[in-house]
N, C-alpha and C. Protein backbone atom coordinates (compact mmCIF):
# COMPACT_ATOMS: atom_id res chain seq x y z
N MET A 1 118.93 89.65 3.31
CA MET A 1 118.95 91.19 3.00
C MET A 1 120.43 91.56 2.50
N LYS A 2 120.48 92.61 1.57
CA LYS A 2 121.95 92.89 0.99
C LYS A 2 122.08 94.43 1.46
N LEU A 3 123.27 94.62 1.85
CA LEU A 3 123.51 96.00 2.46
C LEU A 3 124.22 96.86 1.20
N PRO A 4 123.96 97.96 1.08
CA PRO A 4 124.72 98.81 0.34
C PRO A 4 126.10 98.88 0.64
N ARG A 5 127.12 99.11 -0.02
CA ARG A 5 128.48 99.17 0.55
C ARG A 5 128.84 100.41 1.20
N LEU A 6 128.00 101.49 1.18
CA LEU A 6 128.28 102.61 2.17
C LEU A 6 127.08 102.93 2.83
N TYR A 7 127.40 102.96 4.18
CA TYR A 7 126.40 103.09 5.33
C TYR A 7 126.81 104.55 5.78
N ALA A 8 126.07 105.58 5.53
CA ALA A 8 126.61 106.95 5.99
C ALA A 8 125.83 107.13 7.50
N ILE A 9 126.56 107.70 8.30
CA ILE A 9 125.89 107.99 9.63
C ILE A 9 126.14 109.56 9.82
N LEU A 10 124.88 110.14 10.27
CA LEU A 10 124.87 111.45 10.60
C LEU A 10 124.88 111.74 11.96
N ASP A 11 125.70 112.58 12.54
CA ASP A 11 125.75 112.92 13.98
C ASP A 11 125.50 114.36 13.88
N PRO A 12 124.39 114.74 14.72
CA PRO A 12 123.94 116.27 14.86
C PRO A 12 125.22 117.07 15.46
N ALA A 13 125.98 116.47 16.23
CA ALA A 13 127.19 117.17 16.82
C ALA A 13 128.19 117.58 15.83
N CYS A 14 128.16 117.01 14.74
CA CYS A 14 129.02 117.40 13.47
C CYS A 14 128.58 118.80 12.87
N PHE A 15 127.26 119.23 13.28
CA PHE A 15 126.85 120.34 12.26
C PHE A 15 126.28 121.34 13.37
N ALA A 16 126.47 122.58 12.83
CA ALA A 16 126.51 123.93 13.53
C ALA A 16 124.75 124.09 13.88
N GLU A 17 123.91 123.48 12.89
CA GLU A 17 122.51 123.56 13.06
C GLU A 17 121.82 122.78 12.19
N THR A 18 120.49 122.30 12.55
CA THR A 18 119.76 121.41 11.87
C THR A 18 119.78 121.47 10.44
N ARG A 19 119.59 122.64 9.91
CA ARG A 19 119.63 122.89 8.39
C ARG A 19 120.90 122.49 7.73
N ALA A 20 122.10 122.64 8.43
CA ALA A 20 123.28 122.15 7.70
C ALA A 20 123.27 120.46 7.78
N GLN A 21 122.70 119.93 8.75
CA GLN A 21 122.64 118.45 8.82
C GLN A 21 121.73 118.07 7.64
N LEU A 22 120.65 118.49 7.44
CA LEU A 22 119.61 118.34 6.55
C LEU A 22 120.19 118.41 5.10
N LEU A 23 120.88 119.44 4.90
CA LEU A 23 121.38 119.59 3.45
C LEU A 23 122.46 118.69 3.32
N ALA A 24 123.43 118.28 4.30
CA ALA A 24 124.36 117.32 4.04
C ALA A 24 123.79 115.89 3.77
N ALA A 25 122.69 115.69 4.50
CA ALA A 25 121.95 114.44 4.19
C ALA A 25 121.52 114.44 2.88
N GLN A 26 120.88 115.43 2.27
CA GLN A 26 120.38 115.54 0.86
C GLN A 26 121.42 115.40 -0.11
N GLU A 27 122.57 115.88 0.25
CA GLU A 27 123.64 115.84 -0.68
C GLU A 27 124.21 114.13 -0.70
N LEU A 28 124.27 113.70 0.41
CA LEU A 28 124.59 112.25 0.34
C LEU A 28 123.60 111.58 -0.49
N VAL A 29 122.42 111.58 -0.29
CA VAL A 29 121.44 111.04 -1.27
C VAL A 29 121.66 111.33 -2.53
N ALA A 30 121.96 112.57 -2.87
CA ALA A 30 122.21 112.90 -4.28
C ALA A 30 123.55 112.23 -4.81
N GLY A 31 124.37 111.86 -3.92
CA GLY A 31 125.51 111.04 -4.28
C GLY A 31 125.32 109.57 -4.40
N SER A 32 124.13 109.14 -4.37
CA SER A 32 123.75 107.53 -4.48
C SER A 32 123.91 106.96 -3.13
N CYS A 33 123.93 107.67 -2.13
CA CYS A 33 123.85 106.89 -0.60
C CYS A 33 122.37 106.57 -0.38
N THR A 34 122.19 105.30 -0.03
CA THR A 34 120.73 104.81 0.10
C THR A 34 120.68 104.29 1.51
N LEU A 35 121.62 104.35 2.42
CA LEU A 35 121.29 103.83 3.69
C LEU A 35 122.08 104.88 4.76
N LEU A 36 121.31 105.45 5.60
CA LEU A 36 121.73 106.48 6.40
C LEU A 36 121.14 106.33 7.77
N GLN A 37 122.12 106.44 8.94
CA GLN A 37 121.68 106.31 10.35
C GLN A 37 121.83 107.72 10.96
N TYR A 38 120.70 108.25 11.70
CA TYR A 38 120.82 109.19 12.45
C TYR A 38 121.24 108.83 13.80
N ARG A 39 122.23 109.47 14.25
CA ARG A 39 122.85 109.18 15.30
C ARG A 39 123.33 110.27 16.45
N SER A 40 122.40 110.63 17.29
CA SER A 40 122.51 111.50 18.18
C SER A 40 122.50 111.16 19.78
N LYS A 41 123.86 111.20 20.21
CA LYS A 41 124.13 110.73 21.55
C LYS A 41 123.74 111.77 22.77
N PHE A 42 123.68 113.03 22.28
CA PHE A 42 123.48 114.08 23.44
C PHE A 42 122.15 114.77 23.29
N GLY A 43 121.43 114.75 22.29
CA GLY A 43 120.26 115.39 22.06
C GLY A 43 119.00 114.99 22.90
N ASN A 44 118.02 115.87 23.25
CA ASN A 44 116.95 115.19 23.89
C ASN A 44 116.08 114.81 22.84
N ALA A 45 114.94 114.09 23.36
CA ALA A 45 114.05 113.26 22.63
C ALA A 45 113.31 114.13 21.68
N ARG A 46 112.88 115.26 22.14
CA ARG A 46 112.07 116.22 21.20
C ARG A 46 112.77 116.81 20.16
N ILE A 47 113.92 117.28 20.46
CA ILE A 47 114.73 117.66 19.27
C ILE A 47 115.08 116.49 18.27
N MET A 48 115.49 115.35 18.76
CA MET A 48 115.98 114.14 17.97
C MET A 48 114.67 113.72 17.12
N LEU A 49 113.45 113.92 17.45
CA LEU A 49 112.40 113.47 16.81
C LEU A 49 112.07 114.47 15.75
N GLU A 50 112.21 115.81 16.08
CA GLU A 50 111.95 116.70 14.99
C GLU A 50 112.92 116.66 13.80
N GLU A 51 114.36 116.48 14.40
CA GLU A 51 115.23 116.39 13.17
C GLU A 51 114.93 115.02 12.32
N ALA A 52 114.69 113.94 13.19
CA ALA A 52 114.45 112.74 12.39
C ALA A 52 113.13 112.79 11.47
N ARG A 53 112.27 113.62 11.78
CA ARG A 53 111.00 113.64 10.95
C ARG A 53 111.25 114.63 9.64
N GLU A 54 112.21 115.49 9.99
CA GLU A 54 112.69 116.45 8.75
C GLU A 54 113.53 115.67 7.82
N LEU A 55 114.32 114.65 8.32
CA LEU A 55 115.10 113.89 7.35
C LEU A 55 114.15 112.91 6.65
N ARG A 56 113.29 112.23 7.37
CA ARG A 56 112.39 111.40 6.66
C ARG A 56 111.34 112.22 5.67
N LYS A 57 111.03 113.47 6.00
CA LYS A 57 110.16 114.23 5.04
C LYS A 57 110.77 114.66 3.75
N HIS A 58 112.09 115.11 3.80
CA HIS A 58 112.78 115.53 2.79
C HIS A 58 113.75 114.69 1.97
N LEU A 59 114.02 113.51 2.51
CA LEU A 59 114.94 112.56 1.79
C LEU A 59 114.27 111.54 0.90
N GLY A 60 112.81 111.42 0.95
CA GLY A 60 112.21 110.75 0.05
C GLY A 60 112.42 109.19 0.14
N PRO A 61 111.93 108.37 -0.56
CA PRO A 61 111.61 106.76 -0.31
C PRO A 61 112.97 106.07 -0.86
N SER A 62 113.84 106.84 -1.67
CA SER A 62 115.04 106.05 -2.07
C SER A 62 116.18 105.80 -1.00
N VAL A 63 115.97 106.27 0.15
CA VAL A 63 116.97 106.28 1.12
C VAL A 63 116.40 105.30 2.27
N ARG A 64 117.09 104.49 2.86
CA ARG A 64 116.64 103.72 4.19
C ARG A 64 117.22 104.45 5.32
N LEU A 65 116.37 104.93 6.22
CA LEU A 65 116.70 105.44 7.33
C LEU A 65 116.67 104.63 8.62
N ILE A 66 117.84 104.74 9.47
CA ILE A 66 118.06 104.05 10.55
C ILE A 66 118.26 104.83 11.91
N MET A 67 117.24 104.69 13.00
CA MET A 67 117.44 105.39 14.16
C MET A 67 118.58 104.58 15.19
N ASN A 68 119.37 105.57 15.48
CA ASN A 68 120.45 104.92 16.62
C ASN A 68 119.68 104.94 17.85
N ASP A 69 119.70 103.72 18.56
CA ASP A 69 119.33 103.42 19.87
C ASP A 69 117.89 103.45 20.12
N ARG A 70 117.09 104.30 19.69
CA ARG A 70 115.82 104.60 20.13
C ARG A 70 114.78 104.09 19.13
N ALA A 71 114.11 102.93 19.73
CA ALA A 71 113.19 102.18 18.83
C ALA A 71 111.98 103.01 18.89
N ASP A 72 111.67 103.80 20.02
CA ASP A 72 110.48 104.66 20.13
C ASP A 72 110.53 105.68 19.05
N LEU A 73 111.68 106.34 18.72
CA LEU A 73 111.69 107.30 17.96
C LEU A 73 111.74 106.87 16.47
N CYS A 74 112.25 105.76 16.36
CA CYS A 74 112.04 105.05 15.05
C CYS A 74 110.65 105.12 14.41
N LEU A 75 109.83 104.58 15.40
CA LEU A 75 108.42 104.42 15.11
C LEU A 75 107.73 105.87 14.84
N ALA A 76 107.94 106.56 15.86
CA ALA A 76 107.31 107.98 15.78
C ALA A 76 107.77 108.77 14.58
N ALA A 77 109.10 108.50 13.97
CA ALA A 77 109.48 109.31 12.83
C ALA A 77 109.30 108.54 11.61
N GLU A 78 108.96 107.35 11.68
CA GLU A 78 108.70 106.53 10.47
C GLU A 78 109.84 106.08 9.76
N PHE A 79 110.82 105.74 10.57
CA PHE A 79 112.16 105.32 10.08
C PHE A 79 111.99 103.85 9.76
N ASP A 80 113.11 103.23 9.09
CA ASP A 80 113.04 102.06 8.42
C ASP A 80 113.80 100.86 9.41
N GLY A 81 114.29 101.34 10.44
CA GLY A 81 115.16 100.34 11.34
C GLY A 81 115.78 101.05 12.52
N VAL A 82 116.30 100.24 13.38
CA VAL A 82 117.04 100.84 14.64
C VAL A 82 118.41 99.95 14.71
N HIS A 83 119.32 100.72 15.10
CA HIS A 83 120.66 100.26 15.38
C HIS A 83 120.85 100.39 16.91
N VAL A 84 121.35 99.34 17.49
CA VAL A 84 121.57 99.28 19.00
C VAL A 84 123.01 98.93 19.30
N GLY A 85 123.43 99.64 20.46
CA GLY A 85 124.86 98.92 20.96
C GLY A 85 124.69 98.30 22.12
N GLN A 86 125.96 97.69 22.64
CA GLN A 86 126.02 96.94 23.76
C GLN A 86 125.40 97.36 25.14
N ASP A 87 125.15 98.51 25.14
CA ASP A 87 124.57 99.10 26.40
C ASP A 87 123.20 99.63 26.30
N ASP A 88 122.40 99.47 25.18
CA ASP A 88 121.20 99.76 24.90
C ASP A 88 120.28 98.66 25.13
N LEU A 89 118.87 99.00 24.63
CA LEU A 89 117.94 97.79 24.82
C LEU A 89 118.40 96.62 24.25
N SER A 90 118.18 95.57 24.70
CA SER A 90 118.47 94.25 23.86
C SER A 90 117.86 94.05 22.54
N PRO A 91 118.52 93.40 21.69
CA PRO A 91 117.92 93.27 20.19
C PRO A 91 116.51 92.63 20.24
N GLU A 92 116.37 91.72 21.13
CA GLU A 92 114.86 91.16 21.22
C GLU A 92 113.79 92.07 21.82
N SER A 93 114.25 92.83 22.50
CA SER A 93 113.40 93.89 22.98
C SER A 93 112.91 94.85 22.05
N VAL A 94 114.15 95.30 21.35
CA VAL A 94 114.02 96.30 20.26
C VAL A 94 112.97 95.58 19.01
N ARG A 95 113.11 94.33 18.93
CA ARG A 95 112.29 93.61 17.78
C ARG A 95 111.07 93.67 18.08
N LYS A 96 110.69 93.33 19.50
CA LYS A 96 109.35 93.40 19.92
C LYS A 96 108.48 94.75 19.74
N ILE A 97 109.27 95.87 19.72
CA ILE A 97 108.73 97.18 19.48
C ILE A 97 108.59 97.41 17.94
N ILE A 98 109.55 97.17 17.29
CA ILE A 98 109.76 97.56 15.78
C ILE A 98 109.00 96.75 14.95
N GLY A 99 108.85 95.44 15.40
CA GLY A 99 108.14 94.42 14.56
C GLY A 99 109.10 93.87 13.61
N PRO A 100 108.73 92.86 12.83
CA PRO A 100 109.45 91.96 12.04
C PRO A 100 110.05 92.69 10.64
N ASN A 101 109.39 93.64 10.32
CA ASN A 101 109.65 94.22 8.89
C ASN A 101 110.89 95.12 8.87
N ARG A 102 110.92 95.83 10.14
CA ARG A 102 112.16 96.92 10.19
C ARG A 102 113.45 96.21 10.33
N TRP A 103 114.35 96.90 9.79
CA TRP A 103 115.80 96.58 10.00
C TRP A 103 116.37 96.77 11.56
N LEU A 104 117.06 95.72 11.93
CA LEU A 104 117.66 95.73 13.27
C LEU A 104 119.18 95.57 13.08
N GLY A 105 119.92 96.43 13.71
CA GLY A 105 121.47 96.36 13.63
C GLY A 105 121.94 96.26 15.07
N VAL A 106 123.09 95.69 15.22
CA VAL A 106 123.64 95.56 16.69
C VAL A 106 125.32 95.79 16.40
N SER A 107 125.61 96.66 17.41
CA SER A 107 127.21 96.93 17.28
C SER A 107 127.75 95.81 18.02
N THR A 108 129.01 95.33 17.74
CA THR A 108 129.76 94.29 18.54
C THR A 108 131.26 94.96 18.34
N HIS A 109 132.03 94.53 19.36
CA HIS A 109 133.41 94.92 19.51
C HIS A 109 134.49 93.82 19.65
N ASN A 110 133.81 92.62 19.70
CA ASN A 110 134.88 91.28 19.93
C ASN A 110 134.08 90.18 19.53
N PRO A 111 134.95 88.94 19.24
CA PRO A 111 134.24 87.87 18.91
C PRO A 111 133.08 87.40 19.96
N ALA A 112 133.33 87.45 21.05
CA ALA A 112 132.06 86.85 22.05
C ALA A 112 130.88 87.83 21.77
N GLN A 113 131.06 89.13 21.68
CA GLN A 113 129.85 89.93 21.50
C GLN A 113 129.26 89.53 20.13
N LEU A 114 130.03 89.29 19.08
CA LEU A 114 129.38 89.06 17.81
C LEU A 114 128.75 87.70 17.71
N ARG A 115 129.29 86.63 18.28
CA ARG A 115 128.73 85.36 18.43
C ARG A 115 127.29 85.33 19.17
N GLU A 116 127.24 86.13 20.19
CA GLU A 116 126.04 86.49 20.99
C GLU A 116 124.98 87.17 20.03
N ALA A 117 125.41 88.09 19.33
CA ALA A 117 124.60 89.04 18.49
C ALA A 117 124.02 88.20 17.38
N ASP A 118 124.84 87.26 16.75
CA ASP A 118 124.57 86.29 15.70
C ASP A 118 123.27 85.50 16.06
N GLN A 119 123.07 85.12 17.32
CA GLN A 119 121.87 84.43 17.80
C GLN A 119 120.64 85.09 17.90
N THR A 120 120.81 86.35 17.70
CA THR A 120 119.56 87.20 17.90
C THR A 120 118.86 87.37 16.48
N SER A 121 117.84 88.14 16.59
CA SER A 121 116.94 88.42 15.23
C SER A 121 117.49 89.69 14.47
N ALA A 122 118.65 90.18 14.89
CA ALA A 122 119.38 91.25 14.35
C ALA A 122 119.38 91.00 12.66
N ASP A 123 119.43 92.00 11.70
CA ASP A 123 119.40 91.75 10.45
C ASP A 123 120.80 91.78 9.90
N TYR A 124 121.57 92.70 10.70
CA TYR A 124 122.98 92.79 10.27
C TYR A 124 123.69 93.08 11.66
N LEU A 125 125.10 92.89 11.54
CA LEU A 125 125.95 93.22 12.75
C LEU A 125 127.08 93.82 12.31
N ALA A 126 127.45 95.07 13.09
CA ALA A 126 128.48 95.84 12.93
C ALA A 126 129.62 95.50 13.95
N ILE A 127 130.87 95.59 13.41
CA ILE A 127 132.06 95.33 14.21
C ILE A 127 132.95 96.58 14.04
N GLY A 128 133.77 96.93 15.33
CA GLY A 128 134.56 98.12 15.10
C GLY A 128 134.91 98.33 16.72
N PRO A 129 135.68 99.49 16.83
CA PRO A 129 136.36 100.24 15.53
C PRO A 129 137.44 99.52 14.91
N VAL A 130 137.41 99.60 13.61
CA VAL A 130 138.49 98.92 12.88
C VAL A 130 139.75 99.69 12.85
N PHE A 131 139.71 101.13 12.76
CA PHE A 131 140.79 102.04 12.96
C PHE A 131 140.30 102.88 14.16
N ALA A 132 141.50 103.63 14.47
CA ALA A 132 141.25 104.66 15.56
C ALA A 132 140.23 105.69 15.07
N THR A 133 139.42 106.18 15.99
CA THR A 133 138.29 107.10 15.49
C THR A 133 138.29 108.31 16.51
N SER A 134 138.05 109.48 15.95
CA SER A 134 137.70 110.60 16.53
C SER A 134 136.23 110.97 16.93
N SER A 135 135.28 110.06 16.45
CA SER A 135 133.78 110.40 16.34
C SER A 135 133.26 109.90 17.61
N LYS A 136 133.85 109.17 18.60
CA LYS A 136 133.11 108.53 19.57
C LYS A 136 133.94 108.88 20.83
N GLN A 137 133.41 109.25 21.96
CA GLN A 137 134.02 109.30 23.17
C GLN A 137 134.28 108.02 23.78
N ASN A 138 135.37 107.75 24.26
CA ASN A 138 135.83 106.46 25.08
C ASN A 138 135.42 105.29 24.11
N PRO A 139 136.11 105.13 22.87
CA PRO A 139 135.81 104.12 21.90
C PRO A 139 136.42 102.92 22.41
N ASP A 140 135.94 101.61 21.96
CA ASP A 140 136.35 100.45 22.38
C ASP A 140 137.87 100.21 21.71
N PRO A 141 138.33 99.27 22.19
CA PRO A 141 139.87 98.96 21.53
C PRO A 141 139.62 98.59 19.97
N VAL A 142 140.79 98.99 19.19
CA VAL A 142 140.58 98.83 17.67
C VAL A 142 140.85 97.55 17.48
N VAL A 143 140.02 96.94 16.65
CA VAL A 143 140.05 95.59 16.02
C VAL A 143 140.98 95.35 14.83
N GLY A 144 140.99 96.33 14.07
CA GLY A 144 141.84 96.15 12.74
C GLY A 144 141.34 95.25 11.88
N LEU A 145 141.87 95.09 10.68
CA LEU A 145 141.48 94.29 9.69
C LEU A 145 141.32 92.70 10.04
N GLU A 146 142.00 92.44 10.93
CA GLU A 146 142.06 90.96 11.55
C GLU A 146 140.93 90.83 12.24
N GLY A 147 140.22 91.87 12.90
CA GLY A 147 138.91 91.75 13.70
C GLY A 147 137.91 91.54 12.76
N ILE A 148 138.01 92.11 11.50
CA ILE A 148 136.81 91.82 10.47
C ILE A 148 137.03 90.49 9.96
N ARG A 149 138.18 90.00 9.59
CA ARG A 149 138.31 88.62 8.97
C ARG A 149 137.74 87.81 10.16
N LEU A 150 138.10 87.91 11.51
CA LEU A 150 137.68 86.96 12.43
C LEU A 150 136.07 87.02 12.52
N ALA A 151 135.64 88.25 12.51
CA ALA A 151 134.18 88.33 12.60
C ALA A 151 133.36 87.77 11.49
N ARG A 152 133.93 87.80 10.40
CA ARG A 152 133.29 87.01 9.18
C ARG A 152 133.25 85.55 9.52
N LEU A 153 134.20 84.90 10.07
CA LEU A 153 134.13 83.63 10.45
C LEU A 153 132.97 83.35 11.26
N PHE A 154 132.40 84.10 12.27
CA PHE A 154 131.44 83.79 12.99
C PHE A 154 130.01 84.06 12.75
N THR A 155 129.79 84.87 11.59
CA THR A 155 128.44 85.06 11.28
C THR A 155 128.32 85.08 9.66
N ARG A 156 127.16 84.51 9.38
CA ARG A 156 126.77 84.83 7.88
C ARG A 156 125.98 86.03 7.64
N LYS A 157 125.53 86.71 8.72
CA LYS A 157 124.74 87.80 8.42
C LYS A 157 125.58 89.03 7.83
N PRO A 158 124.96 89.94 7.31
CA PRO A 158 125.76 91.10 6.52
C PRO A 158 126.60 91.81 7.75
N LEU A 159 127.73 92.19 7.48
CA LEU A 159 128.78 92.75 8.38
C LEU A 159 129.07 94.15 8.04
N VAL A 160 128.85 94.94 9.01
CA VAL A 160 129.23 96.49 8.78
C VAL A 160 130.45 96.76 9.47
N ALA A 161 131.44 97.37 8.83
CA ALA A 161 132.72 97.65 9.43
C ALA A 161 132.48 99.17 9.98
N ILE A 162 132.96 99.65 11.03
CA ILE A 162 132.80 100.91 11.48
C ILE A 162 134.01 101.44 12.28
N GLY A 163 134.44 102.67 12.14
CA GLY A 163 135.59 103.22 13.07
C GLY A 163 136.89 103.66 12.11
N GLY A 164 136.97 105.05 12.00
CA GLY A 164 137.97 105.35 11.20
C GLY A 164 138.29 105.07 9.84
N ILE A 165 137.02 104.78 9.20
CA ILE A 165 137.18 104.37 7.83
C ILE A 165 136.98 105.35 6.89
N THR A 166 137.80 105.55 5.82
CA THR A 166 138.11 106.62 4.93
C THR A 166 138.06 106.21 3.50
N ARG A 167 138.26 107.05 2.60
CA ARG A 167 138.33 106.54 1.15
C ARG A 167 139.63 106.01 1.06
N ALA A 168 140.78 106.16 1.74
CA ALA A 168 142.09 105.49 1.52
C ALA A 168 142.09 103.96 2.18
N ASN A 169 141.44 103.84 3.09
CA ASN A 169 141.36 102.53 3.74
C ASN A 169 140.07 101.66 3.49
N ALA A 170 139.00 102.27 2.88
CA ALA A 170 137.90 101.35 2.81
C ALA A 170 137.93 100.20 1.88
N ARG A 171 138.67 100.23 0.82
CA ARG A 171 138.72 99.00 0.05
C ARG A 171 139.29 97.88 0.84
N SER A 172 140.26 98.06 1.51
CA SER A 172 141.02 97.07 2.41
C SER A 172 139.80 96.48 3.34
N VAL A 173 138.92 97.16 3.97
CA VAL A 173 138.14 96.77 4.87
C VAL A 173 136.94 95.65 4.19
N ILE A 174 136.61 96.07 2.90
CA ILE A 174 135.66 95.20 2.14
C ILE A 174 136.50 93.87 1.89
N GLU A 175 137.66 94.18 1.56
CA GLU A 175 138.47 92.80 1.11
C GLU A 175 138.74 91.89 2.30
N ALA A 176 138.62 92.55 3.59
CA ALA A 176 138.92 91.73 4.67
C ALA A 176 137.53 90.94 5.16
N GLY A 177 136.50 91.24 4.36
CA GLY A 177 135.23 90.57 4.53
C GLY A 177 134.03 91.30 5.02
N ALA A 178 134.09 92.63 5.21
CA ALA A 178 132.97 93.39 5.32
C ALA A 178 131.99 93.61 4.28
N ASP A 179 130.79 93.49 4.57
CA ASP A 179 129.82 93.88 3.43
C ASP A 179 129.65 95.33 3.11
N SER A 180 129.89 96.26 4.22
CA SER A 180 129.39 97.49 4.14
C SER A 180 130.39 98.49 4.99
N VAL A 181 130.66 99.61 4.80
CA VAL A 181 131.61 100.42 5.79
C VAL A 181 130.64 101.64 6.04
N ALA A 182 130.67 101.64 7.28
CA ALA A 182 130.01 103.18 8.09
C ALA A 182 130.97 103.96 8.37
N VAL A 183 130.54 105.38 7.81
CA VAL A 183 131.25 106.46 7.76
C VAL A 183 130.66 107.73 8.20
N ILE A 184 131.49 108.52 9.07
CA ILE A 184 131.01 109.86 9.62
C ILE A 184 131.85 110.95 9.06
N SER A 185 133.02 110.98 9.45
CA SER A 185 133.93 111.98 9.34
C SER A 185 134.15 112.12 7.96
N ASP A 186 134.54 111.25 7.26
CA ASP A 186 135.16 111.39 5.82
C ASP A 186 134.08 111.66 4.81
N LEU A 187 132.78 111.79 5.38
CA LEU A 187 131.62 112.26 4.38
C LEU A 187 131.22 113.85 4.82
N LEU A 188 131.94 114.37 5.63
CA LEU A 188 131.41 115.75 6.07
C LEU A 188 131.77 116.70 5.16
N ARG A 189 132.98 116.70 4.55
CA ARG A 189 133.42 117.62 3.45
C ARG A 189 132.72 117.18 2.15
N TYR A 190 132.14 118.22 1.44
CA TYR A 190 131.59 117.92 0.29
C TYR A 190 130.81 116.58 0.17
N PRO A 191 129.72 116.39 0.99
CA PRO A 191 129.13 115.20 1.06
C PRO A 191 128.88 114.23 -0.13
N ARG A 192 128.19 115.11 -1.05
CA ARG A 192 128.01 114.31 -2.36
C ARG A 192 129.13 113.83 -3.17
N LYS A 193 130.18 114.62 -3.32
CA LYS A 193 131.26 114.10 -3.91
C LYS A 193 132.08 113.09 -3.02
N SER A 194 131.93 113.07 -1.80
CA SER A 194 132.66 112.19 -1.08
C SER A 194 131.85 110.63 -1.16
N ALA A 195 130.55 110.71 -1.07
CA ALA A 195 129.78 109.50 -1.24
C ALA A 195 129.96 108.86 -2.61
N GLU A 196 129.95 109.65 -3.62
CA GLU A 196 130.22 109.21 -4.99
C GLU A 196 131.68 108.37 -5.06
N GLU A 197 132.60 109.19 -4.32
CA GLU A 197 133.90 108.37 -4.51
C GLU A 197 134.11 107.23 -3.72
N PHE A 198 133.30 107.19 -2.63
CA PHE A 198 133.35 106.14 -1.74
C PHE A 198 132.64 104.87 -2.56
N LEU A 199 131.65 105.09 -3.13
CA LEU A 199 130.93 104.09 -3.95
C LEU A 199 131.77 103.70 -5.25
N ARG A 200 132.62 104.59 -5.68
CA ARG A 200 133.33 104.29 -6.93
C ARG A 200 134.51 103.25 -6.47
N ILE A 201 134.83 103.75 -5.28
CA ILE A 201 136.06 102.90 -4.86
C ILE A 201 135.67 101.42 -4.22
N LEU A 202 134.33 101.35 -3.83
CA LEU A 202 133.84 100.24 -3.18
C LEU A 202 132.96 99.32 -4.22
N ARG A 203 132.97 99.54 -5.53
CA ARG A 203 132.41 98.95 -6.61
C ARG A 203 132.81 97.38 -6.61
C-alpha cells in the first residue's frame, strides 16, 4: 500500500459544532486531501456514529476514512479502516472484526512498540509524538526526527509521523524517513489552503 503524504485528523473537540467539522472536512478534501481520520476521544458512541456517517455521506469516494479506536463504528459508518493505540483493542482483534480489506493502523511511541506492531497484520504504523503537541492530553515523550530515523530501520511498512507537525517542519519529517505526516492543528485555519500548502511542501 502507498500512503498519501498528508494524513489529516479530525478531532470534534476542535470544533464548536458538527457542521463546522463537516465543512472543514469538505475543505480538506477540496484541497486534495485523500486520507482522513475521525478521532473522538470524549464523544459517546451514538454521536460519534452520527458524525462519522455524515462524513461518509458528504465526502464521497475520493477520500479514505479511518476511524480511531472503534472497529464497531468503522463498520457501522462504512469507513475504510481503523487506527488503534497502545491501550485499545489489539491489532489482531481489530483485524478479525474489520476483515482483510480495510486498512489497519497502529500507533507506536518507541522502538519496542514499533517492532511488536511490525509483526502484526497492521497495514501502516504511526510513530510519535515527533515534536511537542497540544492536541493530546498526557502525550508520550517526544521522539524527535531521530525517532523517525530509528523507526524506519525497524519496519518496511508505511510509516506515519504524528505530533506537532506543521508546514514549517513537515519536510524534515519526510526526509527523516516518514512516508506520511498526520496533522491536526495546522489544518484548522483555512483547511483547504492549508492542505494545498502541505501537499506542495511534501511533493
